[in-house]
Amino acid sequence: TLRDARATDRDPSEPSWIMDTRGNNGLVVGAKGSNVKRIEEETGAKVDCMKDKTTVAISGRRSAVEDARARIEVIMRDRGIEGLRGRWDVPGEWRWEDRGPGRGGGG
């Protein structure tokens, strides 16, 4: 399947985006996982909603991760949730980025 191919093709040194959803992982998941499935199919990124219900990890090619990240931010913004924090999970690096209102893409 596409998801299996992504998992085996993924370079383990590629960074992941770790996003703090402030306890709103359910919005990211959607009804019966519909949002996650759509985002994964349309972007090629892998979206993992953690059991803590506050964290989402997005992995894959950097361009796919950025696309998935933007789509999740739109879902959250549509529900009035802005200013999400996140960080790139890169070997040897760690930092948070604030994504406040009106701050455009890229981080």
C-alpha atoms as a PDB file:
ATOM      1  CA  THR A   1       0.000   0.000   0.000  1.00  0.00           C
ATOM      2  CA  LEU A   2       0.970   3.646  -0.254  1.00  0.00           C
ATOM      3  CA  ARG A   3       1.472   3.880   3.509  1.00  0.00           C
ATOM      4  CA  ASP A   4       3.742   0.800   3.525  1.00  0.00           C
ATOM      5  CA  ALA A   5       5.766   2.219   0.652  1.00  0.00           C
ATOM      6  CA  ARG A   6       6.220   5.515   2.512  1.00  0.00           C
ATOM      7  CA  ALA A   7       7.380   3.705   5.636  1.00  0.00           C
ATOM      8  CA  THR A   8      10.013   1.668   3.811  1.00  0.00           C
ATOM      9  CA  ASP A   9      11.147   4.540   1.564  1.00  0.00           C
ATOM     10  CA  ARG A  10      11.517   7.001   4.432  1.00  0.00           C
ATOM     11  CA  ASP A  11      15.053   7.981   5.327  1.00  0.00           C
ATOM     12  CA  PRO A  12      15.363   7.559   9.120  1.00  0.00           C
ATOM     13  CA  SER A  13      17.526  10.684   9.244  1.00  0.00           C
ATOM     14  CA  GLU A  14      14.640  12.817   7.920  1.00  0.00           C
ATOM     15  CA  PRO A  15      13.214  15.165  10.522  1.00  0.00           C
ATOM     16  CA  SER A  16       9.702  14.917  11.931  1.00  0.00           C
ATOM     17  CA  TRP A  17       7.476  17.809  12.998  1.00  0.00           C
ATOM     18  CA  ILE A  18       6.163  17.402  16.546  1.00  0.00           C
ATOM     19  CA  MET A  19       3.046  19.534  17.123  1.00  0.00           C
ATOM     20  CA  ASP A  20       1.345  20.446  20.407  1.00  0.00           C
ATOM     21  CA  THR A  21      -2.424  20.368  19.746  1.00  0.00           C
ATOM     22  CA  ARG A  22      -3.318  21.466  23.282  1.00  0.00           C
ATOM     23  CA  GLY A  23      -5.410  18.353  23.860  1.00  0.00           C
ATOM     24  CA  ASN A  24      -7.200  18.523  20.521  1.00  0.00           C
ATOM     25  CA  ASN A  25      -5.870  15.447  18.730  1.00  0.00           C
ATOM     26  CA  GLY A  26      -9.479  14.401  18.119  1.00  0.00           C
ATOM     27  CA  LEU A  27      -9.898  17.318  15.718  1.00  0.00           C
ATOM     28  CA  VAL A  28      -6.828  16.186  13.807  1.00  0.00           C
ATOM     29  CA  VAL A  29      -8.040  12.579  13.660  1.00  0.00           C
ATOM     30  CA  GLY A  30     -11.569  13.446  12.507  1.00  0.00           C
ATOM     31  CA  ALA A  31     -14.559  11.106  12.350  1.00  0.00           C
ATOM     32  CA  LYS A  32     -13.289   7.513  12.108  1.00  0.00           C
ATOM     33  CA  GLY A  33      -9.814   8.813  11.247  1.00  0.00           C
ATOM     34  CA  SER A  34     -11.024  10.636   8.141  1.00  0.00           C
ATOM     35  CA  ASN A  35      -8.791  13.709   8.518  1.00  0.00           C
ATOM     36  CA  VAL A  36      -5.617  11.710   9.122  1.00  0.00           C
ATOM     37  CA  LYS A  37      -6.371   9.364   6.210  1.00  0.00           C
ATOM     38  CA  ARG A  38      -7.031  12.280   3.850  1.00  0.00           C
ATOM     39  CA  ILE A  39      -3.918  14.196   4.923  1.00  0.00           C
ATOM     40  CA  GLU A  40      -1.714  11.104   4.568  1.00  0.00           C
ATOM     41  CA  GLU A  41      -3.129  10.224   1.141  1.00  0.00           C
ATOM     42  CA  GLU A  42      -2.912  13.779  -0.210  1.00  0.00           C
ATOM     43  CA  THR A  43       0.521  14.720   1.164  1.00  0.00           C
ATOM     44  CA  GLY A  44       2.440  11.449   1.462  1.00  0.00           C
ATOM     45  CA  ALA A  45       3.361  12.289   5.068  1.00  0.00           C
ATOM     46  CA  LYS A  46       2.673   9.975   8.001  1.00  0.00           C
ATOM     47  CA  VAL A  47       0.552  11.512  10.780  1.00  0.00           C
ATOM     48  CA  ASP A  48       0.731   9.894  14.232  1.00  0.00           C
ATOM     49  CA  CYS A  49      -1.615  11.169  16.938  1.00  0.00           C
ATOM     50  CA  MET A  50      -0.061  10.264  20.261  1.00  0.00           C
ATOM     51  CA  LYS A  51      -1.986   8.611  23.094  1.00  0.00           C
ATOM     52  CA  ASP A  52      -1.401  11.666  25.308  1.00  0.00           C
ATOM     53  CA  LYS A  53      -4.045  13.423  23.133  1.00  0.00           C
ATOM     54  CA  THR A  54      -1.905  16.566  22.970  1.00  0.00           C
ATOM     55  CA  THR A  55       0.824  15.661  20.487  1.00  0.00           C
ATOM     56  CA  VAL A  56       0.912  14.895  16.777  1.00  0.00           C
ATOM     57  CA  ALA A  57       4.056  13.682  14.992  1.00  0.00           C
ATOM     58  CA  ILE A  58       4.287  14.238  11.229  1.00  0.00           C
ATOM     59  CA  SER A  59       7.036  12.430   9.338  1.00  0.00           C
ATOM     60  CA  GLY A  60       8.192  11.914   5.767  1.00  0.00           C
ATOM     61  CA  ARG A  61       9.859  14.087   3.155  1.00  0.00           C
ATOM     62  CA  ARG A  62      10.227  17.642   4.445  1.00  0.00           C
ATOM     63  CA  SER A  63       7.898  19.037   1.754  1.00  0.00           C
ATOM     64  CA  ALA A  64       5.242  16.441   2.652  1.00  0.00           C
ATOM     65  CA  VAL A  65       5.617  17.227   6.355  1.00  0.00           C
ATOM     66  CA  GLU A  66       5.221  20.970   5.696  1.00  0.00           C
ATOM     67  CA  ASP A  67       2.101  20.312   3.599  1.00  0.00           C
ATOM     68  CA  ALA A  68       0.539  18.071   6.261  1.00  0.00           C
ATOM     69  CA  ARG A  69       1.456  20.556   8.980  1.00  0.00           C
ATOM     70  CA  ALA A  70      -0.277  23.378   7.108  1.00  0.00           C
ATOM     71  CA  ARG A  71      -3.408  21.258   6.633  1.00  0.00           C
ATOM     72  CA  ILE A  72      -3.552  20.427  10.338  1.00  0.00           C
ATOM     73  CA  GLU A  73      -3.138  24.102  11.212  1.00  0.00           C
ATOM     74  CA  VAL A  74      -6.115  24.931   8.954  1.00  0.00           C
ATOM     75  CA  ILE A  75      -8.253  22.280  10.692  1.00  0.00           C
ATOM     76  CA  MET A  76      -7.348  23.756  14.071  1.00  0.00           C
ATOM     77  CA  ARG A  77      -7.784  27.378  12.959  1.00  0.00           C
ATOM     78  CA  ASP A  78     -11.253  26.551  11.597  1.00  0.00           C
ATOM     79  CA  ARG A  79     -12.134  25.512  15.173  1.00  0.00           C
ATOM     80  CA  GLY A  80     -10.693  28.716  16.653  1.00  0.00           C
ATOM     81  CA  ILE A  81      -7.404  27.195  17.810  1.00  0.00           C
ATOM     82  CA  GLU A  82      -4.392  29.272  16.781  1.00  0.00           C
ATOM     83  CA  GLY A  83      -0.843  29.868  17.904  1.00  0.00           C
ATOM     84  CA  LEU A  84       0.142  26.194  17.913  1.00  0.00           C
ATOM     85  CA  ARG A  85       3.633  25.261  19.014  1.00  0.00           C
ATOM     86  CA  GLY A  86       5.802  22.687  17.391  1.00  0.00           C
ATOM     87  CA  ARG A  87       9.362  21.625  16.827  1.00  0.00           C
ATOM     88  CA  TRP A  88      11.449  19.773  14.304  1.00  0.00           C
ATOM     89  CA  ASP A  89      12.696  16.491  15.694  1.00  0.00           C
ATOM     90  CA  VAL A  90      16.147  16.374  14.136  1.00  0.00           C
ATOM     91  CA  PRO A  91      18.987  14.260  15.531  1.00  0.00           C
ATOM     92  CA  GLY A  92      21.075  16.513  17.773  1.00  0.00           C
ATOM     93  CA  GLU A  93      18.647  19.470  17.659  1.00  0.00           C
ATOM     94  CA  TRP A  94      15.577  20.539  19.631  1.00  0.00           C
ATOM     95  CA  ARG A  95      13.526  23.735  19.658  1.00  0.00           C
ATOM     96  CA  TRP A  96       9.943  24.969  19.815  1.00  0.00           C
ATOM     97  CA  GLU A  97       8.466  27.347  17.269  1.00  0.00           C
ATOM     98  CA  ASP A  98       5.454  29.497  18.055  1.00  0.00           C
ATOM     99  CA  ARG A  99       2.888  29.743  15.265  1.00  0.00           C
ATOM    100  CA  GLY A 100       0.876  32.753  16.334  1.00  0.00           C
ATOM    101  CA  PRO A 101      -1.994  34.331  14.388  1.00  0.00           C
ATOM    102  CA  GLY A 102      -0.984  36.012  11.159  1.00  0.00           C
ATOM    103  CA  ARG A 103       2.492  34.526  11.095  1.00  0.00           C
ATOM    104  CA  GLY A 104       2.271  32.822   7.714  1.00  0.00           C
ATOM    105  CA  GLY A 105       3.890  29.565   6.712  1.00  0.00           C
ATOM    106  CA  GLY A 106       7.295  28.157   7.304  1.00  0.00           C
ATOM    107  CA  GLY A 107       7.676  28.824  11.031  1.00  0.00           C
END
